[in-house]
């Protein structure tokens, strides 16, 4: 587990670094809004919101996907934004990838 930052200004996202996966998936604000109110009150969710980013790409509506895993499934859509690893406030201690392609979990 670790943190990545998406967008400008950077939005902190907790990430599970799965080197066996071909795509990066992040929890989106749309998925967060679908959670039961009791769950939202009891836990902290960090979700990506492209509307808050000045560098967000337009989600690719033709890239909507449904993926089934052994432990569940997800519905999502692909988009692009700046991805930062490390300290987003310190250029000497970060790696920034502009136009990083990733999937936003919508459900």
PDB file of N, CA and C in Angstrom:
ATOM      1  N   UNK A   1       0.847  -1.171   0.000  1.00  0.00           N
ATOM      2  CA  UNK A   1       0.000   0.000   0.000  1.00  0.00           C
ATOM      3  C   UNK A   1       0.890   1.231   0.000  1.00  0.00           C
ATOM      4  N   UNK A   2       0.371   2.253  -0.627  1.00  0.00           N
ATOM      5  CA  UNK A   2       1.074   3.517  -0.646  1.00  0.00           C
ATOM      6  C   UNK A   2       0.164   4.600  -1.178  1.00  0.00           C
ATOM      7  N   UNK A   3       0.688   5.780  -1.265  1.00  0.00           N
ATOM      8  CA  UNK A   3      -0.088   6.905  -1.758  1.00  0.00           C
ATOM      9  C   UNK A   3       0.383   7.318  -3.142  1.00  0.00           C
ATOM     10  N   UNK A   4      -0.578   7.663  -3.980  1.00  0.00           N
ATOM     11  CA  UNK A   4      -0.296   8.330  -5.242  1.00  0.00           C
ATOM     12  C   UNK A   4      -1.151   9.586  -5.238  1.00  0.00           C
ATOM     13  N   UNK A   5      -0.824  10.497  -6.109  1.00  0.00           N
ATOM     14  CA  UNK A   5      -1.572  11.742  -6.213  1.00  0.00           C
ATOM     15  C   UNK A   5      -1.993  11.911  -7.663  1.00  0.00           C
ATOM     16  N   UNK A   6      -3.261  12.206  -7.864  1.00  0.00           N
ATOM     17  CA  UNK A   6      -3.785  12.408  -9.209  1.00  0.00           C
ATOM     18  C   UNK A   6      -4.321  13.821  -9.339  1.00  0.00           C
ATOM     19  N   UNK A   7      -4.039  14.430 -10.484  1.00  0.00           N
ATOM     20  CA  UNK A   7      -4.616  15.727 -10.785  1.00  0.00           C
ATOM     21  C   UNK A   7      -3.772  16.906 -10.383  1.00  0.00           C
ATOM     22  N   UNK A   8      -4.322  18.093 -10.705  1.00  0.00           N
ATOM     23  CA  UNK A   8      -3.716  19.375 -10.367  1.00  0.00           C
ATOM     24  C   UNK A   8      -4.821  20.278  -9.852  1.00  0.00           C
ATOM     25  N   UNK A   9      -4.825  20.608  -8.557  1.00  0.00           N
ATOM     26  CA  UNK A   9      -3.855  20.220  -7.531  1.00  0.00           C
ATOM     27  C   UNK A   9      -3.950  18.730  -7.205  1.00  0.00           C
ATOM     28  N   UNK A  10      -2.876  18.180  -6.624  1.00  0.00           N
ATOM     29  CA  UNK A  10      -2.832  16.740  -6.365  1.00  0.00           C
ATOM     30  C   UNK A  10      -3.904  16.274  -5.372  1.00  0.00           C
ATOM     31  N   UNK A  11      -4.596  15.183  -5.729  1.00  0.00           N
ATOM     32  CA  UNK A  11      -5.569  14.536  -4.850  1.00  0.00           C
ATOM     33  C   UNK A  11      -4.957  13.223  -4.380  1.00  0.00           C
ATOM     34  N   UNK A  12      -4.852  13.066  -3.065  1.00  0.00           N
ATOM     35  CA  UNK A  12      -4.232  11.866  -2.499  1.00  0.00           C
ATOM     36  C   UNK A  12      -5.164  10.666  -2.651  1.00  0.00           C
ATOM     37  N   UNK A  13      -4.607   9.571  -3.142  1.00  0.00           N
ATOM     38  CA  UNK A  13      -5.318   8.309  -3.318  1.00  0.00           C
ATOM     39  C   UNK A  13      -4.472   7.210  -2.682  1.00  0.00           C
ATOM     40  N   UNK A  14      -5.078   6.340  -1.885  1.00  0.00           N
ATOM     41  CA  UNK A  14      -4.370   5.170  -1.352  1.00  0.00           C
ATOM     42  C   UNK A  14      -4.373   4.109  -2.440  1.00  0.00           C
ATOM     43  N   UNK A  15      -3.236   3.497  -2.657  1.00  0.00           N
ATOM     44  CA  UNK A  15      -3.106   2.546  -3.755  1.00  0.00           C
ATOM     45  C   UNK A  15      -2.519   1.229  -3.267  1.00  0.00           C
ATOM     46  N   UNK A  16      -3.004   0.150  -3.856  1.00  0.00           N
ATOM     47  CA  UNK A  16      -2.414  -1.168  -3.678  1.00  0.00           C
ATOM     48  C   UNK A  16      -1.604  -1.415  -4.945  1.00  0.00           C
ATOM     49  N   UNK A  17      -0.289  -1.473  -4.816  1.00  0.00           N
ATOM     50  CA  UNK A  17       0.576  -1.640  -5.971  1.00  0.00           C
ATOM     51  C   UNK A  17       0.605  -3.103  -6.378  1.00  0.00           C
ATOM     52  N   UNK A  18      -0.191  -3.436  -7.368  1.00  0.00           N
ATOM     53  CA  UNK A  18      -0.349  -4.810  -7.860  1.00  0.00           C
ATOM     54  C   UNK A  18       0.408  -4.922  -9.180  1.00  0.00           C
ATOM     55  N   UNK A  19       1.604  -5.477  -9.129  1.00  0.00           N
ATOM     56  CA  UNK A  19       2.423  -5.564 -10.341  1.00  0.00           C
ATOM     57  C   UNK A  19       1.908  -6.603 -11.323  1.00  0.00           C
ATOM     58  N   UNK A  20       0.908  -7.382 -10.930  1.00  0.00           N
ATOM     59  CA  UNK A  20       0.333  -8.376 -11.821  1.00  0.00           C
ATOM     60  C   UNK A  20      -0.823  -7.840 -12.649  1.00  0.00           C
ATOM     61  N   UNK A  21      -1.191  -6.587 -12.434  1.00  0.00           N
ATOM     62  CA  UNK A  21      -2.309  -5.998 -13.169  1.00  0.00           C
ATOM     63  C   UNK A  21      -1.806  -5.129 -14.315  1.00  0.00           C
ATOM     64  N   UNK A  22      -2.575  -5.104 -15.380  1.00  0.00           N
ATOM     65  CA  UNK A  22      -2.196  -4.310 -16.547  1.00  0.00           C
ATOM     66  C   UNK A  22      -2.655  -2.862 -16.423  1.00  0.00           C
ATOM     67  N   UNK A  23      -3.662  -2.592 -15.591  1.00  0.00           N
ATOM     68  CA  UNK A  23      -4.230  -1.251 -15.495  1.00  0.00           C
ATOM     69  C   UNK A  23      -4.212  -0.743 -14.062  1.00  0.00           C
ATOM     70  N   UNK A  24      -4.190   0.565 -13.933  1.00  0.00           N
ATOM     71  CA  UNK A  24      -4.329   1.206 -12.637  1.00  0.00           C
ATOM     72  C   UNK A  24      -5.791   1.602 -12.473  1.00  0.00           C
ATOM     73  N   UNK A  25      -6.399   1.199 -11.357  1.00  0.00           N
ATOM     74  CA  UNK A  25      -7.789   1.539 -11.059  1.00  0.00           C
ATOM     75  C   UNK A  25      -7.824   2.363  -9.788  1.00  0.00           C
ATOM     76  N   UNK A  26      -8.613   3.444  -9.805  1.00  0.00           N
ATOM     77  CA  UNK A  26      -8.756   4.281  -8.622  1.00  0.00           C
ATOM     78  C   UNK A  26     -10.231   4.441  -8.281  1.00  0.00           C
ATOM     79  N   UNK A  27     -10.491   4.619  -7.013  1.00  0.00           N
ATOM     80  CA  UNK A  27     -11.839   4.846  -6.507  1.00  0.00           C
ATOM     81  C   UNK A  27     -12.251   6.260  -6.908  1.00  0.00           C
ATOM     82  N   UNK A  28     -13.407   6.400  -7.522  1.00  0.00           N
ATOM     83  CA  UNK A  28     -13.847   7.720  -7.994  1.00  0.00           C
ATOM     84  C   UNK A  28     -14.907   8.311  -7.081  1.00  0.00           C
ATOM     85  N   UNK A  29     -15.116   9.602  -7.213  1.00  0.00           N
ATOM     86  CA  UNK A  29     -16.164  10.291  -6.468  1.00  0.00           C
ATOM     87  C   UNK A  29     -17.533   9.696  -6.799  1.00  0.00           C
ATOM     88  N   UNK A  30     -17.733   9.266  -8.053  1.00  0.00           N
ATOM     89  CA  UNK A  30     -19.005   8.654  -8.455  1.00  0.00           C
ATOM     90  C   UNK A  30     -19.255   7.364  -7.681  1.00  0.00           C
ATOM     91  N   UNK A  31     -18.224   6.555  -7.464  1.00  0.00           N
ATOM     92  CA  UNK A  31     -18.372   5.317  -6.686  1.00  0.00           C
ATOM     93  C   UNK A  31     -18.615   5.637  -5.217  1.00  0.00           C
ATOM     94  N   UNK A  32     -17.931   6.644  -4.713  1.00  0.00           N
ATOM     95  CA  UNK A  32     -18.083   7.039  -3.312  1.00  0.00           C
ATOM     96  C   UNK A  32     -19.524   7.453  -3.024  1.00  0.00           C
ATOM     97  N   UNK A  33     -20.141   8.170  -3.955  1.00  0.00           N
ATOM     98  CA  UNK A  33     -21.515   8.642  -3.771  1.00  0.00           C
ATOM     99  C   UNK A  33     -22.528   7.501  -3.719  1.00  0.00           C
ATOM    100  N   UNK A  34     -22.151   6.322  -4.213  1.00  0.00           N
ATOM    101  CA  UNK A  34     -23.058   5.165  -4.228  1.00  0.00           C
ATOM    102  C   UNK A  34     -22.963   4.319  -2.953  1.00  0.00           C
ATOM    103  N   UNK A  35     -22.031   4.656  -2.059  1.00  0.00           N
ATOM    104  CA  UNK A  35     -21.872   3.893  -0.823  1.00  0.00           C
ATOM    105  C   UNK A  35     -23.007   4.214   0.146  1.00  0.00           C
ATOM    106  N   UNK A  36     -23.364   3.252   0.987  1.00  0.00           N
ATOM    107  CA  UNK A  36     -24.388   3.506   2.006  1.00  0.00           C
ATOM    108  C   UNK A  36     -23.929   4.602   2.973  1.00  0.00           C
ATOM    109  N   UNK A  37     -24.831   5.477   3.413  1.00  0.00           N
ATOM    110  CA  UNK A  37     -24.464   6.571   4.326  1.00  0.00           C
ATOM    111  C   UNK A  37     -23.743   6.091   5.590  1.00  0.00           C
ATOM    112  N   UNK A  38     -24.161   4.957   6.140  1.00  0.00           N
ATOM    113  CA  UNK A  38     -23.513   4.441   7.355  1.00  0.00           C
ATOM    114  C   UNK A  38     -22.047   4.107   7.100  1.00  0.00           C
ATOM    115  N   UNK A  39     -21.746   3.574   5.927  1.00  0.00           N
ATOM    116  CA  UNK A  39     -20.358   3.234   5.595  1.00  0.00           C
ATOM    117  C   UNK A  39     -19.530   4.504   5.409  1.00  0.00           C
ATOM    118  N   UNK A  40     -20.105   5.516   4.805  1.00  0.00           N
ATOM    119  CA  UNK A  40     -19.400   6.786   4.616  1.00  0.00           C
ATOM    120  C   UNK A  40     -19.064   7.445   5.952  1.00  0.00           C
ATOM    121  N   UNK A  41     -19.939   7.293   6.934  1.00  0.00           N
ATOM    122  CA  UNK A  41     -19.706   7.880   8.257  1.00  0.00           C
ATOM    123  C   UNK A  41     -18.649   7.124   9.040  1.00  0.00           C
ATOM    124  N   UNK A  42     -18.551   5.807   8.835  1.00  0.00           N
ATOM    125  CA  UNK A  42     -17.665   4.988   9.649  1.00  0.00           C
ATOM    126  C   UNK A  42     -16.245   4.860   9.103  1.00  0.00           C
ATOM    127  N   UNK A  43     -16.031   5.219   7.847  1.00  0.00           N
ATOM    128  CA  UNK A  43     -14.714   5.060   7.235  1.00  0.00           C
ATOM    129  C   UNK A  43     -14.340   6.310   6.443  1.00  0.00           C
ATOM    130  N   UNK A  44     -13.046   6.480   6.223  1.00  0.00           N
ATOM    131  CA  UNK A  44     -12.563   7.584   5.393  1.00  0.00           C
ATOM    132  C   UNK A  44     -12.245   7.035   4.006  1.00  0.00           C
ATOM    133  N   UNK A  45     -12.821   7.648   2.986  1.00  0.00           N
ATOM    134  CA  UNK A  45     -12.590   7.221   1.611  1.00  0.00           C
ATOM    135  C   UNK A  45     -11.896   8.338   0.851  1.00  0.00           C
ATOM    136  N   UNK A  46     -10.779   8.022   0.223  1.00  0.00           N
ATOM    137  CA  UNK A  46     -10.086   8.971  -0.640  1.00  0.00           C
ATOM    138  C   UNK A  46     -10.489   8.647  -2.070  1.00  0.00           C
ATOM    139  N   UNK A  47     -11.137   9.587  -2.733  1.00  0.00           N
ATOM    140  CA  UNK A  47     -11.665   9.332  -4.072  1.00  0.00           C
ATOM    141  C   UNK A  47     -11.193  10.408  -5.035  1.00  0.00           C
ATOM    142  N   UNK A  48     -10.922   9.999  -6.261  1.00  0.00           N
ATOM    143  CA  UNK A  48     -10.510  10.927  -7.317  1.00  0.00           C
ATOM    144  C   UNK A  48     -11.734  11.640  -7.888  1.00  0.00           C
ATOM    145  N   UNK A  49     -11.598  12.954  -8.057  1.00  0.00           N
ATOM    146  CA  UNK A  49     -12.658  13.763  -8.646  1.00  0.00           C
ATOM    147  C   UNK A  49     -12.043  14.596  -9.774  1.00  0.00           C
ATOM    148  N   UNK A  50     -12.260  14.181 -11.012  1.00  0.00           N
ATOM    149  CA  UNK A  50     -11.691  14.871 -12.161  1.00  0.00           C
ATOM    150  C   UNK A  50     -12.169  16.311 -12.302  1.00  0.00           C
ATOM    151  N   UNK A  51     -13.349  16.618 -11.787  1.00  0.00           N
ATOM    152  CA  UNK A  51     -13.871  17.983 -11.872  1.00  0.00           C
ATOM    153  C   UNK A  51     -13.046  18.972 -11.052  1.00  0.00           C
ATOM    154  N   UNK A  52     -12.262  18.465 -10.103  1.00  0.00           N
ATOM    155  CA  UNK A  52     -11.426  19.333  -9.271  1.00  0.00           C
ATOM    156  C   UNK A  52     -10.022  19.528  -9.835  1.00  0.00           C
ATOM    157  N   UNK A  53      -9.719  18.911 -10.971  1.00  0.00           N
ATOM    158  CA  UNK A  53      -8.377  18.938 -11.541  1.00  0.00           C
ATOM    159  C   UNK A  53      -8.327  19.767 -12.821  1.00  0.00           C
ATOM    160  N   UNK A  54      -7.336  20.645 -12.895  1.00  0.00           N
ATOM    161  CA  UNK A  54      -7.153  21.463 -14.105  1.00  0.00           C
ATOM    162  C   UNK A  54      -6.453  20.693 -15.221  1.00  0.00           C
ATOM    163  N   UNK A  55      -5.886  19.522 -14.913  1.00  0.00           N
ATOM    164  CA  UNK A  55      -5.181  18.739 -15.920  1.00  0.00           C
ATOM    165  C   UNK A  55      -5.923  17.460 -16.302  1.00  0.00           C
ATOM    166  N   UNK A  56      -7.155  17.315 -15.826  1.00  0.00           N
ATOM    167  CA  UNK A  56      -7.931  16.087 -16.097  1.00  0.00           C
ATOM    168  C   UNK A  56      -8.290  15.984 -17.569  1.00  0.00           C
ATOM    169  N   UNK A  57      -8.157  14.778 -18.086  1.00  0.00           N
ATOM    170  CA  UNK A  57      -8.628  14.496 -19.432  1.00  0.00           C
ATOM    171  C   UNK A  57     -10.118  14.211 -19.394  1.00  0.00           C
ATOM    172  N   UNK A  58     -10.715  14.188 -20.548  1.00  0.00           N
ATOM    173  CA  UNK A  58     -12.127  13.851 -20.632  1.00  0.00           C
ATOM    174  C   UNK A  58     -12.248  12.328 -20.597  1.00  0.00           C
ATOM    175  N   UNK A  59     -13.096  11.790 -19.701  1.00  0.00           N
ATOM    176  CA  UNK A  59     -13.263  10.330 -19.668  1.00  0.00           C
ATOM    177  C   UNK A  59     -13.679   9.802 -21.036  1.00  0.00           C
ATOM    178  N   UNK A  60     -13.132   8.658 -21.391  1.00  0.00           N
ATOM    179  CA  UNK A  60     -13.397   8.041 -22.698  1.00  0.00           C
ATOM    180  C   UNK A  60     -14.675   7.217 -22.615  1.00  0.00           C
ATOM    181  N   UNK A  61     -15.790   7.799 -23.014  1.00  0.00           N
ATOM    182  CA  UNK A  61     -17.085   7.129 -22.849  1.00  0.00           C
ATOM    183  C   UNK A  61     -17.150   5.792 -23.590  1.00  0.00           C
ATOM    184  N   UNK A  62     -16.362   5.633 -24.632  1.00  0.00           N
ATOM    185  CA  UNK A  62     -16.346   4.356 -25.356  1.00  0.00           C
ATOM    186  C   UNK A  62     -15.499   3.304 -24.642  1.00  0.00           C
ATOM    187  N   UNK A  63     -14.834   3.707 -23.563  1.00  0.00           N
ATOM    188  CA  UNK A  63     -13.970   2.762 -22.855  1.00  0.00           C
ATOM    189  C   UNK A  63     -14.602   2.258 -21.562  1.00  0.00           C
ATOM    190  N   UNK A  64     -15.914   2.341 -21.441  1.00  0.00           N
ATOM    191  CA  UNK A  64     -16.581   1.799 -20.253  1.00  0.00           C
ATOM    192  C   UNK A  64     -16.371   0.286 -20.217  1.00  0.00           C
ATOM    193  N   UNK A  65     -16.066  -0.216 -19.002  1.00  0.00           N
ATOM    194  CA  UNK A  65     -15.778  -1.641 -18.870  1.00  0.00           C
ATOM    195  C   UNK A  65     -16.480  -2.232 -17.653  1.00  0.00           C
ATOM    196  N   UNK A  66     -16.690  -3.523 -17.709  1.00  0.00           N
ATOM    197  CA  UNK A  66     -17.122  -4.313 -16.560  1.00  0.00           C
ATOM    198  C   UNK A  66     -16.103  -5.439 -16.440  1.00  0.00           C
ATOM    199  N   UNK A  67     -15.452  -5.536 -15.293  1.00  0.00           N
ATOM    200  CA  UNK A  67     -14.413  -6.543 -15.087  1.00  0.00           C
ATOM    201  C   UNK A  67     -14.782  -7.385 -13.876  1.00  0.00           C
ATOM    202  N   UNK A  68     -14.680  -8.702 -14.021  1.00  0.00           N
ATOM    203  CA  UNK A  68     -14.952  -9.617 -12.914  1.00  0.00           C
ATOM    204  C   UNK A  68     -13.633 -10.205 -12.430  1.00  0.00           C
ATOM    205  N   UNK A  69     -13.438 -10.144 -11.118  1.00  0.00           N
ATOM    206  CA  UNK A  69     -12.262 -10.705 -10.473  1.00  0.00           C
ATOM    207  C   UNK A  69     -12.721 -11.892  -9.627  1.00  0.00           C
ATOM    208  N   UNK A  70     -11.803 -12.623  -9.042  1.00  0.00           N
ATOM    209  CA  UNK A  70     -12.167 -13.722  -8.166  1.00  0.00           C
ATOM    210  C   UNK A  70     -12.925 -13.257  -6.931  1.00  0.00           C
ATOM    211  N   UNK A  71     -12.683 -12.017  -6.506  1.00  0.00           N
ATOM    212  CA  UNK A  71     -13.290 -11.519  -5.268  1.00  0.00           C
ATOM    213  C   UNK A  71     -14.424 -10.525  -5.506  1.00  0.00           C
ATOM    214  N   UNK A  72     -14.794 -10.273  -6.738  1.00  0.00           N
ATOM    215  CA  UNK A  72     -15.862  -9.309  -7.025  1.00  0.00           C
ATOM    216  C   UNK A  72     -15.733  -8.753  -8.421  1.00  0.00           C
ATOM    217  N   UNK A  73     -16.353  -7.626  -8.646  1.00  0.00           N
ATOM    218  CA  UNK A  73     -16.290  -7.018  -9.974  1.00  0.00           C
ATOM    219  C   UNK A  73     -16.321  -5.499  -9.851  1.00  0.00           C
ATOM    220  N   UNK A  74     -16.081  -4.824 -10.962  1.00  0.00           N
ATOM    221  CA  UNK A  74     -16.156  -3.366 -10.991  1.00  0.00           C
ATOM    222  C   UNK A  74     -16.673  -2.903 -12.335  1.00  0.00           C
ATOM    223  N   UNK A  75     -17.276  -1.736 -12.320  1.00  0.00           N
ATOM    224  CA  UNK A  75     -17.638  -1.008 -13.529  1.00  0.00           C
ATOM    225  C   UNK A  75     -16.829   0.264 -13.505  1.00  0.00           C
ATOM    226  N   UNK A  76     -16.265   0.632 -14.637  1.00  0.00           N
ATOM    227  CA  UNK A  76     -15.442   1.826 -14.659  1.00  0.00           C
ATOM    228  C   UNK A  76     -15.271   2.389 -16.048  1.00  0.00           C
ATOM    229  N   UNK A  77     -14.476   3.452 -16.088  1.00  0.00           N
ATOM    230  CA  UNK A  77     -14.219   4.158 -17.336  1.00  0.00           C
ATOM    231  C   UNK A  77     -12.784   4.683 -17.294  1.00  0.00           C
ATOM    232  N   UNK A  78     -12.133   4.729 -18.442  1.00  0.00           N
ATOM    233  CA  UNK A  78     -10.744   5.196 -18.496  1.00  0.00           C
ATOM    234  C   UNK A  78     -10.678   6.701 -18.759  1.00  0.00           C
ATOM    235  N   UNK A  79      -9.643   7.304 -18.179  1.00  0.00           N
ATOM    236  CA  UNK A  79      -9.384   8.728 -18.356  1.00  0.00           C
ATOM    237  C   UNK A  79      -7.891   8.977 -18.191  1.00  0.00           C
ATOM    238  N   UNK A  80      -7.488  10.236 -18.262  1.00  0.00           N
ATOM    239  CA  UNK A  80      -6.084  10.616 -18.077  1.00  0.00           C
ATOM    240  C   UNK A  80      -5.996  11.825 -17.164  1.00  0.00           C
ATOM    241  N   UNK A  81      -4.918  11.875 -16.397  1.00  0.00           N
ATOM    242  CA  UNK A  81      -4.601  13.044 -15.583  1.00  0.00           C
ATOM    243  C   UNK A  81      -3.152  12.902 -15.144  1.00  0.00           C
ATOM    244  N   UNK A  82      -2.622  13.930 -14.520  1.00  0.00           N
ATOM    245  CA  UNK A  82      -1.261  13.888 -14.012  1.00  0.00           C
ATOM    246  C   UNK A  82      -1.212  12.977 -12.789  1.00  0.00           C
ATOM    247  N   UNK A  83      -0.227  12.087 -12.762  1.00  0.00           N
ATOM    248  CA  UNK A  83      -0.018  11.178 -11.632  1.00  0.00           C
ATOM    249  C   UNK A  83       1.325  11.517 -10.994  1.00  0.00           C
ATOM    250  N   UNK A  84       1.335  11.664  -9.681  1.00  0.00           N
ATOM    251  CA  UNK A  84       2.560  11.984  -8.953  1.00  0.00           C
ATOM    252  C   UNK A  84       2.830  10.906  -7.921  1.00  0.00           C
ATOM    253  N   UNK A  85       4.062  10.419  -7.900  1.00  0.00           N
ATOM    254  CA  UNK A  85       4.554   9.492  -6.871  1.00  0.00           C
ATOM    255  C   UNK A  85       5.561  10.252  -6.026  1.00  0.00           C
ATOM    256  N   UNK A  86       5.498  10.099  -4.726  1.00  0.00           N
ATOM    257  CA  UNK A  86       6.396  10.829  -3.839  1.00  0.00           C
ATOM    258  C   UNK A  86       5.717  12.070  -3.290  1.00  0.00           C
ATOM    259  N   UNK A  87       6.514  13.039  -2.889  1.00  0.00           N
ATOM    260  CA  UNK A  87       6.010  14.276  -2.276  1.00  0.00           C
ATOM    261  C   UNK A  87       5.584  15.256  -3.373  1.00  0.00           C
ATOM    262  N   UNK A  88       4.279  15.497  -3.521  1.00  0.00           N
ATOM    263  CA  UNK A  88       3.836  16.370  -4.610  1.00  0.00           C
ATOM    264  C   UNK A  88       4.284  17.819  -4.464  1.00  0.00           C
ATOM    265  N   UNK A  89       4.724  18.222  -3.251  1.00  0.00           N
ATOM    266  CA  UNK A  89       5.145  19.606  -3.038  1.00  0.00           C
ATOM    267  C   UNK A  89       6.644  19.808  -3.216  1.00  0.00           C
ATOM    268  N   UNK A  90       7.394  18.734  -3.423  1.00  0.00           N
ATOM    269  CA  UNK A  90       8.846  18.837  -3.508  1.00  0.00           C
ATOM    270  C   UNK A  90       9.353  18.202  -4.802  1.00  0.00           C
ATOM    271  N   UNK A  91       9.711  19.029  -5.797  1.00  0.00           N
ATOM    272  CA  UNK A  91      10.168  18.502  -7.088  1.00  0.00           C
ATOM    273  C   UNK A  91      11.363  17.542  -6.989  1.00  0.00           C
ATOM    274  N   UNK A  92      12.189  17.681  -5.971  1.00  0.00           N
ATOM    275  CA  UNK A  92      13.352  16.802  -5.826  1.00  0.00           C
ATOM    276  C   UNK A  92      12.968  15.414  -5.320  1.00  0.00           C
ATOM    277  N   UNK A  93      11.777  15.282  -4.756  1.00  0.00           N
ATOM    278  CA  UNK A  93      11.367  14.005  -4.161  1.00  0.00           C
ATOM    279  C   UNK A  93      10.070  13.479  -4.760  1.00  0.00           C
ATOM    280  N   UNK A  94       9.915  13.642  -6.048  1.00  0.00           N
ATOM    281  CA  UNK A  94       8.705  13.151  -6.692  1.00  0.00           C
ATOM    282  C   UNK A  94       8.988  12.749  -8.132  1.00  0.00           C
ATOM    283  N   UNK A  95       8.099  11.914  -8.643  1.00  0.00           N
ATOM    284  CA  UNK A  95       8.081  11.579 -10.063  1.00  0.00           C
ATOM    285  C   UNK A  95       6.688  11.963 -10.538  1.00  0.00           C
ATOM    286  N   UNK A  96       6.612  12.771 -11.570  1.00  0.00           N
ATOM    287  CA  UNK A  96       5.322  13.232 -12.086  1.00  0.00           C
ATOM    288  C   UNK A  96       5.155  12.716 -13.512  1.00  0.00           C
ATOM    289  N   UNK A  97       4.001  12.084 -13.775  1.00  0.00           N
ATOM    290  CA  UNK A  97       3.697  11.537 -15.100  1.00  0.00           C
ATOM    291  C   UNK A  97       2.478  12.271 -15.652  1.00  0.00           C
ATOM    292  N   UNK A  98       2.675  13.168 -16.617  1.00  0.00           N
ATOM    293  CA  UNK A  98       1.517  13.849 -17.204  1.00  0.00           C
ATOM    294  C   UNK A  98       0.731  12.900 -18.111  1.00  0.00           C
ATOM    295  N   UNK A  99      -0.558  13.145 -18.242  1.00  0.00           N
ATOM    296  CA  UNK A  99      -1.439  12.368 -19.119  1.00  0.00           C
ATOM    297  C   UNK A  99      -1.367  10.870 -18.821  1.00  0.00           C
ATOM    298  N   UNK A 100      -1.317  10.533 -17.542  1.00  0.00           N
ATOM    299  CA  UNK A 100      -1.291   9.145 -17.083  1.00  0.00           C
ATOM    300  C   UNK A 100      -2.663   8.521 -17.314  1.00  0.00           C
ATOM    301  N   UNK A 101      -2.703   7.371 -17.971  1.00  0.00           N
ATOM    302  CA  UNK A 101      -3.947   6.675 -18.285  1.00  0.00           C
ATOM    303  C   UNK A 101      -4.330   5.734 -17.132  1.00  0.00           C
ATOM    304  N   UNK A 102      -5.564   5.854 -16.634  1.00  0.00           N
ATOM    305  CA  UNK A 102      -6.008   4.998 -15.537  1.00  0.00           C
ATOM    306  C   UNK A 102      -7.519   4.810 -15.618  1.00  0.00           C
ATOM    307  N   UNK A 103      -8.001   3.833 -14.894  1.00  0.00           N
ATOM    308  CA  UNK A 103      -9.438   3.560 -14.833  1.00  0.00           C
ATOM    309  C   UNK A 103     -10.034   4.131 -13.556  1.00  0.00           C
ATOM    310  N   UNK A 104     -11.204   4.727 -13.683  1.00  0.00           N
ATOM    311  CA  UNK A 104     -11.950   5.223 -12.524  1.00  0.00           C
ATOM    312  C   UNK A 104     -13.068   4.219 -12.214  1.00  0.00           C
ATOM    313  N   UNK A 105     -13.044   3.675 -11.012  1.00  0.00           N
ATOM    314  CA  UNK A 105     -14.100   2.765 -10.596  1.00  0.00           C
ATOM    315  C   UNK A 105     -15.361   3.595 -10.358  1.00  0.00           C
ATOM    316  N   UNK A 106     -16.442   3.213 -11.057  1.00  0.00           N
ATOM    317  CA  UNK A 106     -17.709   3.926 -10.894  1.00  0.00           C
ATOM    318  C   UNK A 106     -18.702   3.144 -10.039  1.00  0.00           C
ATOM    319  N   UNK A 107     -18.501   1.819  -9.980  1.00  0.00           N
ATOM    320  CA  UNK A 107     -19.364   0.978  -9.154  1.00  0.00           C
ATOM    321  C   UNK A 107     -18.621  -0.292  -8.790  1.00  0.00           C
TER     322      UNK A 107
END
